[in-house]
Amino acid sequence: MYPHLVFDLETIPDAHGLRQLMELDPELPDEEVVDIAMQARLEQTGSDFMPLHLQKIVAIGCVFRNKTDFHVKCLGEPGDDEATLIRSFFKVIDHYTPVLISWNGSGFDLPVLHYRALIHGVPSRRYWDKGQDDRSFQYNNYLSRYHERHTDLMDVLAAFNLRANAPLDQLAKLCGFPGKLGMDGSQVWPTWLEGGIDEIRAYCETDVVNTWLMYLRYSLLKCDMDQTAYDAEIKLVHDSLSAISDQAPWDEYLSEWSL
């Protein structure tokens, strides 16, 4: 079963890229650049959400579960640039070859990582392998939608039907887990402008914990673990978070979760 890596990105509009592509004044502040781009996007598409290649990564939250331990953290440090965060992510994959787990990773997180890694020139031999280096990757790799080396839980549970997709927050709460705490993706950019990278990273960490808890429930459904093993995994998560409950946001998270 191990190791497993749950991942989630938090992104903001790429002001530098937008300034370049829209040929805006180099001295124009990022906030104004993004406002102009969002307004143009809204007029064109009915939504101000930037296309995936113009999503700049500011946090990568991870749960890492190996045979003995459970860890949750955001990669790197709050001041790290985007390229450094991407290198850190692929370094984990190249070293451990974990099973990747996400919620909408196929629809958002991985395409964003692909585009942004391309922009920064960040390689990863293991991630992109489709059998060239390891023949087993021909039949189970990170890139194929129906392989299990990356499990996009939202996609799988919706039976690969976009119209059936469900939000993580609601499903987590329906399953008895805390879900999101006070922030959603639409608030990341305003929070970033206020210097709230620590809040963004904390929000990202709760998302990956929610995703891991949902993955454990999914593993119970498909009989990859029995009830005893499932209960033990849930307790491990709860106990691990209790041990760091003096750090935001885990005290609040645990207060919303009754075992």
Protein backbone atom coordinates (compact mmCIF):
# COMPACT_ATOMS: atom_id res chain seq x y z
CA MET A 1 0.00 0.00 0.00
CA TYR A 2 2.80 2.43 0.76
CA PRO A 3 4.13 5.02 0.13
CA HIS A 4 1.25 7.36 -0.75
CA LEU A 5 1.44 11.07 -1.48
CA VAL A 6 -1.68 13.22 -1.38
CA PHE A 7 -1.13 16.57 -3.05
CA ASP A 8 -2.97 19.81 -3.63
CA LEU A 9 -1.95 23.11 -5.21
CA GLU A 10 -2.85 26.63 -4.27
CA THR A 11 -2.42 29.08 -7.11
CA ILE A 12 -2.75 32.75 -7.95
CA PRO A 13 -3.00 34.47 -11.33
CA ASP A 14 0.41 34.76 -12.98
CA ALA A 15 0.75 38.54 -13.04
CA HIS A 16 4.16 38.40 -14.74
CA GLY A 17 2.86 36.17 -17.52
CA LEU A 18 -0.30 38.22 -17.95
CA ARG A 19 1.71 41.44 -18.14
CA GLN A 20 3.87 39.88 -20.84
CA LEU A 21 1.06 38.36 -22.91
CA MET A 22 -1.22 41.40 -22.68
CA GLU A 23 1.70 43.78 -23.33
CA LEU A 24 0.87 45.87 -20.29
CA ASP A 25 3.05 48.54 -18.72
CA PRO A 26 5.96 46.82 -16.91
CA GLU A 27 5.48 49.25 -14.01
CA LEU A 28 1.82 48.36 -13.52
CA PRO A 29 1.32 46.71 -10.10
CA ASP A 30 0.42 43.02 -10.03
CA GLU A 31 -3.00 43.68 -8.52
CA GLU A 32 -3.94 46.02 -11.37
CA VAL A 33 -2.60 43.61 -13.99
CA VAL A 34 -4.73 40.82 -12.58
CA ASP A 35 -7.79 43.06 -12.33
CA ILE A 36 -7.47 43.96 -16.02
CA ALA A 37 -6.95 40.32 -17.00
CA MET A 38 -9.85 39.08 -14.90
CA GLN A 39 -12.20 41.65 -16.40
CA ALA A 40 -11.14 40.66 -19.91
CA ARG A 41 -11.54 36.99 -19.06
CA LEU A 42 -14.99 37.60 -17.59
CA GLU A 43 -16.12 39.37 -20.74
CA GLN A 44 -14.74 36.58 -22.94
CA THR A 45 -15.91 33.52 -21.04
CA GLY A 46 -18.36 34.57 -18.33
CA SER A 47 -15.84 33.63 -15.64
CA ASP A 48 -12.80 35.49 -14.34
CA PHE A 49 -10.93 32.25 -13.60
CA MET A 50 -7.56 32.30 -15.34
CA PRO A 51 -6.61 29.47 -17.74
CA LEU A 52 -4.45 26.74 -16.24
CA HIS A 53 -1.17 27.80 -17.83
CA LEU A 54 -1.58 31.20 -16.15
CA GLN A 55 -2.03 29.76 -12.67
CA LYS A 56 1.10 30.43 -10.60
CA ILE A 57 1.76 27.89 -7.84
CA VAL A 58 2.28 29.41 -4.39
CA ALA A 59 1.78 26.32 -2.21
CA ILE A 60 1.89 22.54 -2.59
CA GLY A 61 0.28 20.73 0.31
CA CYS A 62 1.12 17.08 0.90
CA VAL A 63 0.19 14.16 3.07
CA PHE A 64 2.91 11.52 3.00
CA ARG A 65 2.08 8.07 4.37
CA ASN A 66 4.71 5.37 4.46
CA LYS A 67 4.72 2.06 6.32
CA THR A 68 5.25 3.65 9.71
CA ASP A 69 4.41 7.34 9.63
CA PHE A 70 1.86 9.95 8.64
CA HIS A 71 3.10 13.44 7.77
CA VAL A 72 1.29 16.55 6.58
CA LYS A 73 3.03 19.71 5.41
CA CYS A 74 3.44 22.16 2.59
CA LEU A 75 6.59 21.67 0.58
CA GLY A 76 9.37 24.19 0.95
CA GLU A 77 9.18 27.46 2.84
CA PRO A 78 6.69 30.34 2.60
CA GLY A 79 9.18 32.48 0.68
CA ASP A 80 10.16 29.87 -1.91
CA ASP A 81 9.62 30.73 -5.55
CA GLU A 82 7.44 28.66 -7.85
CA ALA A 83 10.27 26.76 -9.53
CA THR A 84 11.62 25.66 -6.15
CA LEU A 85 8.22 24.33 -5.09
CA ILE A 86 7.84 22.38 -8.32
CA ARG A 87 11.34 20.91 -7.99
CA SER A 88 10.51 19.82 -4.44
CA PHE A 89 7.38 18.04 -5.62
CA PHE A 90 9.08 16.12 -8.40
CA LYS A 91 12.03 15.32 -6.14
CA VAL A 92 9.67 13.44 -3.82
CA ILE A 93 8.27 11.48 -6.77
CA ASP A 94 11.69 10.69 -8.20
CA HIS A 95 12.93 9.48 -4.81
CA TYR A 96 9.95 7.53 -3.44
CA THR A 97 7.77 6.67 -6.49
CA PRO A 98 4.64 7.11 -4.37
CA VAL A 99 1.06 6.49 -5.36
CA LEU A 100 -0.35 9.97 -5.99
CA ILE A 101 -3.77 10.88 -4.65
CA SER A 102 -5.71 14.02 -5.45
CA TRP A 103 -9.14 15.55 -5.69
CA ASN A 104 -9.52 16.90 -9.23
CA GLY A 105 -5.80 16.44 -9.79
CA SER A 106 -6.36 15.34 -13.38
CA GLY A 107 -8.53 18.34 -14.13
CA PHE A 108 -6.49 21.03 -12.40
CA ASP A 109 -3.41 20.26 -10.32
CA LEU A 110 -1.46 18.06 -12.72
CA PRO A 111 -2.07 20.16 -15.85
CA VAL A 112 -1.00 23.23 -13.89
CA LEU A 113 2.15 21.42 -12.75
CA HIS A 114 2.85 20.36 -16.33
CA TYR A 115 2.55 23.88 -17.72
CA ARG A 116 4.47 25.54 -14.92
CA ALA A 117 7.23 22.91 -14.97
CA LEU A 118 7.50 23.52 -18.71
CA ILE A 119 7.82 27.27 -18.17
CA HIS A 120 10.56 26.81 -15.56
CA GLY A 121 12.26 23.84 -17.22
CA VAL A 122 11.89 21.48 -14.25
CA PRO A 123 12.49 17.82 -15.23
CA SER A 124 11.36 14.60 -13.56
CA ARG A 125 12.45 11.26 -14.93
CA ARG A 126 10.09 9.17 -12.81
CA TYR A 127 6.95 11.24 -13.22
CA TRP A 128 7.06 11.32 -17.02
CA ASP A 129 8.09 7.68 -17.41
CA LYS A 130 5.66 5.66 -19.54
CA GLY A 131 7.83 2.57 -19.76
CA GLN A 132 11.06 3.99 -21.16
CA ASP A 133 13.02 3.46 -17.92
CA ASP A 134 10.77 1.08 -15.99
CA ARG A 135 8.73 -1.34 -18.08
CA SER A 136 6.06 -1.63 -15.38
CA PHE A 137 5.22 2.03 -16.01
CA GLN A 138 3.97 1.09 -19.46
CA TYR A 139 0.92 -0.39 -17.77
CA ASN A 140 0.67 1.80 -14.66
CA ASN A 141 2.05 5.33 -14.80
CA TYR A 142 1.28 8.79 -13.49
CA LEU A 143 -0.06 10.16 -16.76
CA SER A 144 -2.79 7.73 -17.82
CA ARG A 145 -6.24 8.59 -16.54
CA TYR A 146 -7.30 5.03 -15.79
CA HIS A 147 -4.12 3.86 -14.09
CA GLU A 148 -3.79 3.78 -10.31
CA ARG A 149 -0.33 5.25 -9.83
CA HIS A 150 -2.28 8.49 -9.68
CA THR A 151 -5.78 8.24 -8.24
CA ASP A 152 -7.92 11.32 -8.81
CA LEU A 153 -10.63 10.52 -6.29
CA MET A 154 -13.11 13.03 -7.69
CA ASP A 155 -12.76 11.53 -11.15
CA VAL A 156 -12.95 7.92 -9.97
CA LEU A 157 -15.96 8.43 -7.70
CA ALA A 158 -17.79 10.25 -10.50
CA ALA A 159 -17.16 7.23 -12.75
CA PHE A 160 -15.08 9.52 -15.00
CA ASN A 161 -18.20 11.57 -15.75
CA LEU A 162 -17.67 15.34 -15.51
CA ARG A 163 -21.37 15.93 -14.88
CA ALA A 164 -21.20 13.72 -11.79
CA ASN A 165 -18.30 15.50 -10.05
CA ALA A 166 -18.82 16.39 -6.39
CA PRO A 167 -17.01 18.94 -4.20
CA LEU A 168 -14.51 17.64 -1.65
CA ASP A 169 -15.79 19.88 1.13
CA GLN A 170 -19.36 18.62 0.95
CA LEU A 171 -18.49 14.95 0.60
CA ALA A 172 -15.96 15.14 3.43
CA LYS A 173 -18.58 16.63 5.74
CA LEU A 174 -21.16 14.05 4.70
CA CYS A 175 -18.63 11.36 5.64
CA GLY A 176 -18.13 12.90 9.08
CA PHE A 177 -14.84 14.70 8.41
CA PRO A 178 -14.23 18.41 9.02
CA GLY A 179 -14.04 19.62 5.42
CA LYS A 180 -12.80 23.12 4.65
CA LEU A 181 -12.19 25.66 7.39
CA GLY A 182 -13.09 29.24 6.54
CA MET A 183 -11.32 29.54 3.19
CA ASP A 184 -11.87 28.34 -0.34
CA GLY A 185 -9.96 28.67 -3.58
CA SER A 186 -11.60 31.97 -4.50
CA GLN A 187 -10.02 33.60 -1.44
CA VAL A 188 -6.43 32.63 -2.19
CA TRP A 189 -5.62 35.65 -4.37
CA PRO A 190 -7.06 38.25 -1.95
CA THR A 191 -5.29 36.49 0.92
CA TRP A 192 -2.03 36.52 -1.05
CA LEU A 193 -2.34 40.27 -1.64
CA GLU A 194 -2.66 40.74 2.12
CA GLY A 195 0.55 38.78 2.72
CA GLY A 196 -1.30 35.74 4.02
CA ILE A 197 0.90 32.96 2.66
CA ASP A 198 0.84 31.20 6.04
CA GLU A 199 -2.97 31.11 5.95
CA ILE A 200 -2.88 29.80 2.38
CA ARG A 201 -0.47 27.02 3.32
CA ALA A 202 -2.59 26.07 6.34
CA TYR A 203 -5.70 25.89 4.16
CA CYS A 204 -3.83 23.75 1.65
CA GLU A 205 -2.79 21.32 4.38
CA THR A 206 -6.37 20.82 5.55
CA ASP A 207 -7.38 20.02 1.98
CA VAL A 208 -4.84 17.22 1.66
CA VAL A 209 -5.86 15.76 5.02
CA ASN A 210 -9.49 15.78 3.90
CA THR A 211 -8.47 14.08 0.67
CA TRP A 212 -6.49 11.41 2.53
CA LEU A 213 -9.44 10.70 4.81
CA MET A 214 -11.67 10.32 1.77
CA TYR A 215 -9.11 8.01 0.19
CA LEU A 216 -9.15 5.82 3.29
CA ARG A 217 -12.93 5.59 3.06
CA TYR A 218 -12.61 4.73 -0.63
CA SER A 219 -10.05 2.03 0.22
CA LEU A 220 -12.54 0.57 2.68
CA LEU A 221 -15.22 0.54 -0.02
CA LYS A 222 -13.11 -1.44 -2.46
CA CYS A 223 -11.89 -3.82 0.26
CA ASP A 224 -8.25 -2.75 0.11
CA MET A 225 -8.51 -2.64 3.91
CA ASP A 226 -10.94 -4.11 6.41
CA GLN A 227 -12.77 -2.15 9.10
CA THR A 228 -10.07 -2.76 11.70
CA ALA A 229 -7.33 -1.46 9.41
CA TYR A 230 -9.48 1.51 8.40
CA ASP A 231 -10.18 2.44 12.02
CA ALA A 232 -6.46 2.21 12.78
CA GLU A 233 -5.61 4.53 9.88
CA ILE A 234 -8.23 7.06 10.95
CA LYS A 235 -6.90 6.97 14.51
CA LEU A 236 -3.35 7.49 13.23
CA VAL A 237 -4.41 10.64 11.40
CA HIS A 238 -6.30 11.96 14.41
CA ASP A 239 -3.45 11.18 16.81
CA SER A 240 -0.85 12.69 14.46
CA LEU A 241 -2.81 15.92 14.16
CA SER A 242 -3.41 16.00 17.92
CA ALA A 243 0.36 15.92 18.40
CA ILE A 244 0.68 19.17 16.42
CA SER A 245 -2.57 20.77 17.58
CA ASP A 246 -0.62 23.78 18.87
CA GLN A 247 0.04 24.66 15.22
CA ALA A 248 -2.61 26.32 13.06
CA PRO A 249 -5.02 25.10 11.82
CA TRP A 250 -5.13 21.75 13.59
CA ASP A 251 -6.76 22.79 16.86
CA GLU A 252 -9.73 24.17 14.92
CA TYR A 253 -9.73 21.20 12.55
CA LEU A 254 -9.85 18.67 15.38
CA SER A 255 -12.61 20.62 17.12
CA GLU A 256 -14.76 19.91 14.05
CA TRP A 257 -13.97 16.19 14.04
CA SER A 258 -15.45 13.71 16.51
CA LEU A 259 -14.24 10.14 16.24
